[in-house]
Structure formats: structure tokens, C-alpha cells
Protein backbone atom coordinates (compact mmCIF):
# COMPACT_ATOMS: atom_id res chain seq x y z
CA MET A 1 -6.87 34.22 17.04
CA LYS A 2 -5.90 32.88 20.45
CA LEU A 3 -9.02 30.69 20.46
CA PHE A 4 -8.05 29.36 17.03
CA ASN A 5 -4.55 28.50 18.22
CA ASN A 6 -5.96 26.72 21.27
CA LEU A 7 -8.21 24.65 19.01
CA ILE A 8 -5.18 23.64 16.94
CA VAL A 9 -3.34 22.55 20.09
CA ILE A 10 -6.31 20.50 21.30
CA THR A 11 -6.63 18.85 17.90
CA LEU A 12 -2.96 17.86 17.90
CA LEU A 13 -3.25 16.39 21.38
CA CYS A 14 -6.33 14.39 20.44
CA ILE A 15 -4.69 12.99 17.33
CA SER A 16 -1.60 12.01 19.31
CA SER A 17 -3.72 10.22 21.90
CA LEU A 18 -5.97 8.40 19.45
CA TYR A 19 -3.16 6.85 17.49
CA SER A 20 -1.26 5.51 20.48
CA GLN A 21 -2.43 2.05 19.38
CA VAL A 22 -1.72 1.60 15.68
CA ASN A 23 -3.74 -0.71 13.47
CA THR A 24 -0.96 -2.32 11.41
CA GLU A 25 -3.36 -4.52 9.47
CA ALA A 26 -4.73 -1.37 7.82
CA MET A 27 -1.20 -0.50 6.65
CA ARG A 28 -0.84 -3.44 4.30
CA GLY A 29 -0.18 -2.53 0.68
CA ASP A 30 -0.85 -4.34 -2.57
CA ASN A 31 2.65 -4.31 -4.05
CA GLN A 32 3.16 -7.33 -6.32
CA LEU A 33 6.22 -6.24 -8.32
CA PRO A 34 9.59 -7.84 -7.48
CA GLY A 35 12.03 -5.42 -5.91
CA VAL A 36 11.69 -2.55 -3.46
CA GLN A 37 9.35 0.42 -3.73
CA HIS A 38 9.92 3.51 -1.57
CA ASN A 39 7.58 6.28 -0.49
CA LEU A 40 8.65 9.33 1.53
CA GLU A 41 6.35 12.09 2.79
CA LEU A 42 7.30 15.27 4.64
CA ASP A 43 4.83 17.87 5.93
CA PHE A 44 5.38 21.22 7.63
CA ALA A 45 2.80 23.59 9.12
CA TYR A 46 3.38 27.03 10.61
CA ILE A 47 0.66 29.04 12.38
CA SER A 48 1.32 32.54 13.70
CA GLY A 49 -0.95 34.57 15.95
CA ASN A 50 -0.68 35.38 19.63
CA SER A 51 1.72 32.44 19.67
CA GLU A 52 3.66 30.46 17.08
CA LEU A 53 2.79 26.84 16.42
CA ILE A 54 4.97 24.57 14.31
CA GLU A 55 4.07 21.02 13.29
CA LEU A 56 6.43 18.57 11.57
CA ASN A 57 5.32 15.26 10.11
CA GLY A 58 7.40 12.71 8.28
CA SER A 59 6.83 9.17 7.09
CA TYR A 60 8.75 6.58 5.11
CA ARG A 61 7.49 3.33 3.65
CA ALA A 62 9.28 0.55 1.81
CA ASP A 63 7.46 -2.40 0.22
CA PHE A 64 9.55 -5.29 -1.00
CA ALA A 65 8.82 -8.51 -2.86
CA SER A 66 11.13 -11.30 -4.06
CA LEU A 67 10.85 -13.98 -6.70
CA SER A 68 10.79 -16.56 -3.89
CA ASN A 69 7.51 -15.02 -2.60
CA LEU A 70 9.20 -13.56 0.48
CA ASN A 71 7.46 -10.19 0.88
CA GLY A 72 7.21 -7.46 3.47
CA PHE A 73 7.03 -3.79 4.30
CA PHE A 74 8.69 -1.30 6.62
CA ILE A 75 7.01 1.86 7.93
CA TRP A 76 8.40 4.70 10.01
CA LYS A 77 6.40 7.76 11.12
CA TYR A 78 7.41 10.74 13.23
CA ASP A 79 5.23 13.65 14.34
CA ARG A 80 6.21 16.65 16.43
CA ALA A 81 4.42 19.86 17.36
CA PHE A 82 5.85 22.68 19.44
CA GLU A 83 5.07 26.26 20.40
CA ASN A 84 7.39 29.29 20.19
CA SER A 85 10.07 27.07 18.63
CA LYS A 86 11.00 25.51 21.97
CA ASP A 87 8.08 24.11 23.96
CA ASP A 88 7.03 20.64 22.84
CA ILE A 89 3.28 20.15 22.68
CA THR A 90 3.58 16.57 21.59
CA TYR A 91 5.83 14.19 19.72
CA LYS A 92 5.49 10.56 18.75
CA GLY A 93 7.23 7.98 16.60
CA PHE A 94 6.26 4.60 15.22
CA GLY A 95 8.20 1.95 13.31
CA HIS A 96 6.97 -1.41 12.04
CA LEU A 97 8.66 -4.17 10.03
CA ARG A 98 6.64 -7.14 8.76
CA ILE A 99 7.88 -10.07 6.64
CA PHE A 100 5.58 -12.74 5.27
CA LYS A 101 5.70 -15.75 2.98
CA PRO A 102 2.93 -18.01 1.61
CA PHE A 103 2.80 -21.41 3.29
CA THR A 104 -0.18 -22.77 1.35
CA VAL A 105 -2.66 -21.25 -1.08
CA HIS A 106 -4.72 -19.79 1.78
CA ILE A 107 -2.17 -19.47 4.61
CA VAL A 108 0.66 -16.94 4.96
CA VAL A 109 3.31 -17.15 7.70
CA GLU A 110 4.54 -13.78 9.00
CA GLY A 111 6.87 -12.21 11.56
CA PHE A 112 7.07 -8.62 12.76
CA LEU A 113 9.03 -6.09 14.83
CA GLN A 114 7.65 -2.81 16.20
CA LYS A 115 8.88 0.18 18.17
CA GLU A 116 7.03 3.33 19.21
CA PHE A 117 6.95 6.23 21.67
CA ASN A 118 4.30 8.81 22.46
CA HIS A 119 4.98 11.90 24.59
CA PHE A 120 1.29 12.72 25.12
CA ILE A 121 0.49 9.48 26.99
CA ASP A 122 3.96 9.38 28.65
CA LEU A 123 4.91 6.29 26.66
CA GLU A 124 8.70 6.41 26.64
CA ASN A 125 9.24 3.20 24.72
CA ARG A 126 7.19 0.27 23.44
CA GLU A 127 8.83 -2.65 21.68
CA LEU A 128 7.41 -5.92 20.49
CA ILE A 129 8.42 -8.93 18.45
CA GLY A 130 6.06 -11.60 17.26
CA ALA A 131 5.01 -14.14 14.66
CA GLY A 132 1.87 -15.81 13.42
CA PHE A 133 -0.09 -16.74 10.36
CA ARG A 134 -2.78 -15.15 8.18
CA TYR A 135 -5.61 -17.30 6.85
CA ASN A 136 -7.70 -16.36 3.80
CA PRO A 137 -10.68 -18.77 3.76
CA ILE A 138 -12.79 -16.75 1.29
CA THR A 139 -12.37 -13.67 -0.88
CA ASN A 140 -11.73 -10.46 1.08
CA LEU A 141 -11.75 -12.24 4.47
CA TYR A 142 -8.50 -12.55 6.44
CA VAL A 143 -8.05 -14.09 9.88
CA GLY A 144 -4.79 -13.59 11.76
CA LEU A 145 -3.53 -15.53 14.77
CA GLY A 146 -0.22 -14.81 16.47
CA ILE A 147 1.85 -14.40 19.60
CA MET A 148 4.19 -11.59 20.62
CA ASN A 149 6.47 -10.40 23.39
CA GLU A 150 5.71 -6.81 24.38
CA MET A 151 7.69 -4.36 26.53
CA GLU A 152 6.29 -1.01 27.64
CA LYS A 153 8.14 1.75 29.52
CA TYR A 154 6.30 4.84 30.79
CA GLN A 155 8.06 8.00 31.99
CA ASP A 156 6.67 7.91 35.54
CA ILE A 157 7.26 4.19 36.02
CA SER A 158 10.78 2.86 36.55
CA SER A 159 10.01 -0.75 35.63
CA LYS A 160 9.88 -2.14 32.10
CA PRO A 161 7.11 -4.76 32.20
CA ASN A 162 7.30 -7.55 29.64
CA PHE A 163 4.26 -9.50 28.58
CA ILE A 164 3.56 -12.45 26.33
CA LYS A 165 0.39 -11.68 24.41
CA SER A 166 -1.85 -13.38 21.92
CA THR A 167 -2.62 -11.00 19.04
CA ASN A 168 -5.47 -11.82 16.67
CA TYR A 169 -7.36 -9.93 14.01
CA LEU A 170 -10.24 -10.20 11.55
CA ASN A 171 -10.16 -8.20 8.31
CA TYR A 172 -13.24 -8.27 6.06
CA SER A 173 -14.31 -6.00 3.22
CA PHE A 174 -17.12 -6.11 0.67
CA THR A 175 -18.81 -3.99 -2.00
CA ILE A 176 -22.49 -3.07 -2.22
CA LEU A 177 -23.91 -2.67 -5.75
CA ASP A 178 -20.59 -1.24 -6.98
CA ILE A 179 -21.36 2.09 -5.28
CA ALA A 180 -20.14 1.51 -1.72
CA GLU A 181 -17.28 -0.31 -0.02
CA ILE A 182 -17.23 -1.40 3.62
CA GLN A 183 -14.12 -2.54 5.49
CA ASN A 184 -13.91 -3.80 9.06
CA ILE A 185 -10.66 -4.59 10.88
CA THR A 186 -10.90 -5.88 14.45
CA TYR A 187 -8.01 -6.73 16.79
CA TYR A 188 -8.29 -8.81 19.95
CA GLN A 189 -5.19 -9.02 22.16
CA PHE A 190 -4.82 -10.54 25.62
CA LYS A 191 -2.06 -11.44 28.08
CA LEU A 192 -1.44 -15.17 28.31
CA GLU A 193 -0.78 -14.98 32.06
CA GLU A 194 -3.86 -12.82 32.70
CA LEU A 195 -6.72 -13.61 30.31
CA LYS A 196 -8.94 -10.90 31.83
CA ASP A 197 -6.50 -8.23 30.67
CA TYR A 198 -7.35 -7.70 27.02
CA ARG A 199 -7.69 -5.01 24.34
CA ILE A 200 -10.21 -4.66 21.51
CA LEU A 201 -9.45 -2.35 18.61
CA TRP A 202 -11.88 -1.78 15.71
CA ASP A 203 -11.45 0.26 12.55
CA GLY A 204 -14.38 0.56 10.17
CA LYS A 205 -14.59 2.47 6.91
CA LEU A 206 -17.57 3.20 4.65
CA THR A 207 -16.70 4.55 1.21
CA ILE A 208 -19.33 5.88 -1.20
CA LEU A 209 -18.01 5.75 -4.75
CA GLY A 210 -18.86 8.72 -6.98
CA LEU A 211 -18.16 9.76 -10.54
CA LYS A 212 -14.73 10.52 -12.04
CA GLY A 213 -12.78 8.99 -9.17
CA ILE A 214 -14.39 11.08 -6.43
CA SER A 215 -15.49 9.28 -3.26
CA PHE A 216 -16.89 10.12 0.17
CA HIS A 217 -15.77 8.15 3.20
CA ILE A 218 -16.66 7.80 6.88
CA ASN A 219 -14.11 6.31 9.31
CA PHE A 220 -14.90 4.74 12.67
CA HIS A 221 -12.31 3.95 15.34
CA PHE A 222 -13.03 2.24 18.65
CA ARG A 223 -10.70 1.08 21.40
CA TYR A 224 -11.51 -0.76 24.61
CA ASP A 225 -8.97 -1.75 27.25
CA LYS A 226 -9.92 -4.08 30.07
CA ASN A 227 -7.88 -3.73 33.27
CA SER A 228 -5.58 -1.12 31.76
CA ASN A 229 -4.59 2.45 32.59
CA ASN A 230 -5.10 3.50 29.00
CA SER A 231 -8.36 5.30 28.20
CA ASN A 232 -11.13 3.89 26.03
CA TYR A 233 -12.53 5.97 23.23
CA PHE A 234 -14.65 6.14 20.07
CA GLU A 235 -13.82 8.34 17.09
CA ILE A 236 -15.70 9.14 13.87
CA SER A 237 -14.41 11.20 10.96
CA ASN A 238 -15.30 11.80 7.32
CA GLY A 239 -13.86 13.29 4.18
CA LEU A 240 -13.49 13.21 0.39
CA GLY A 241 -11.16 11.14 -1.77
CA ILE A 242 -9.93 11.71 -5.31
CA LYS A 243 -8.40 8.94 -7.40
CA PHE A 244 -6.53 9.69 -10.62
């Protein structure tokens, strides 16, 4: 039982570390109805053995659309895990607001705000504000170009460094013979004052479509930081989906 509890702790730590850089492009919804739509999720897990483990997860999402084609979404997530009701194993929070409006048939102008913290990597606070545009040259292909001001504060570092960064992404998905879907989302970010300091983030997903709404999917996640203290990693996971 103790080994099982240790495995749970390790899993929680790994998840907290992997999602320290969030792919916001993958969070886009397809809400087209005027008004605001809300979605709230709360999860609780309790594991008892040689020790007690408690995990709390909560998320809130609001998608809004107006008759003037001003659209957007707001997302807030909070995760916390602790042992014996007092010792924090990890906790993290993430909030993102994005507003966008069509400029032409193929170009959308957007602005965004973001705030996050992550106990596992000692990230006390990360805030950014930015703007850019999203270009849709062909079906299912989106190219994003933007600029943002980013501030990061770590627990062991007294300073709060601010950086001006270029943030860019490529989002492309396609279907193979109506039985498989492939999606690739790639981010490329770099500091304007130090072009050699950059980050590459890739999320790939392969979905095999089955009968009666059942699907099988494989997710790939890769992160590479150049000239950064953050670790690089590759993750692969799989699972089943049910649509009804």
C-alpha cells in the first residue's frame, strides 16, 4: 500500500511539472451562440493507506459571443494535493482570458491576459499580457503571430524579470479516410532582446474513430527550452473517448 501511495505522489508531481507551460491554443472552443456559456468542474480524490492523500481539482470556463462578432473565453484551473490533511505535495493555478474579433474573412485580431503559479517548479507568479492576430489561409490551418510582455517570479529569486517576447503558433488538423484525425499545435516563443533564448512547445494528437461514438487517442507533448533553467521533456499518453 505504501508503494501505491508513493506512485500516486510521483504521478501528481509529474503532472504538475508537465503542465507548467500551458498550450492555450488547444483550449479554444467552438461556441457560436450569442451570449455566455458556463462550465464548472469540481473533482475530489481521497486515498487512505499508510498515509492519507487528498487531491482537489477545480476548473471554470466561460465562452462568450456577441452579435458584433466580439468573442472570447475565460478559463481558470486550480489543483492541489496534500498528505495527512496538512502537508502540501503540490498546488498550481492557471487563469487565461482571450478576446478576439474578425478583421477580415481570414484574419482575426486577438488580445489576452494570463496568470499562473506552480508550487512544484517554485513558480510563485507568472503574468503576461499580449496581442496578435490569427490567420486562416486554408481549412483547418491557423497561423498565429503576436507579442507579449511576460513577468516571472520564482520563490528563490528576489527579482521579477520582465521580458518582451514574440509568441507564434501553428495549428493544423486533418482527417484520414474518415477513420482517423490528426492535430498538431506548435508554439515558438523567443525574447526580442535575446533571440537565442527561445521555447518550442508541441502538442500532437492522433484519434482513431470507432463505432457508436467510441474513439482511441494518443497524445504527444514535447517542450524544449533554449538557455533556460526549465527542464525539457517529452510525454506520450493514450486513452479512450466516448461521444454521446
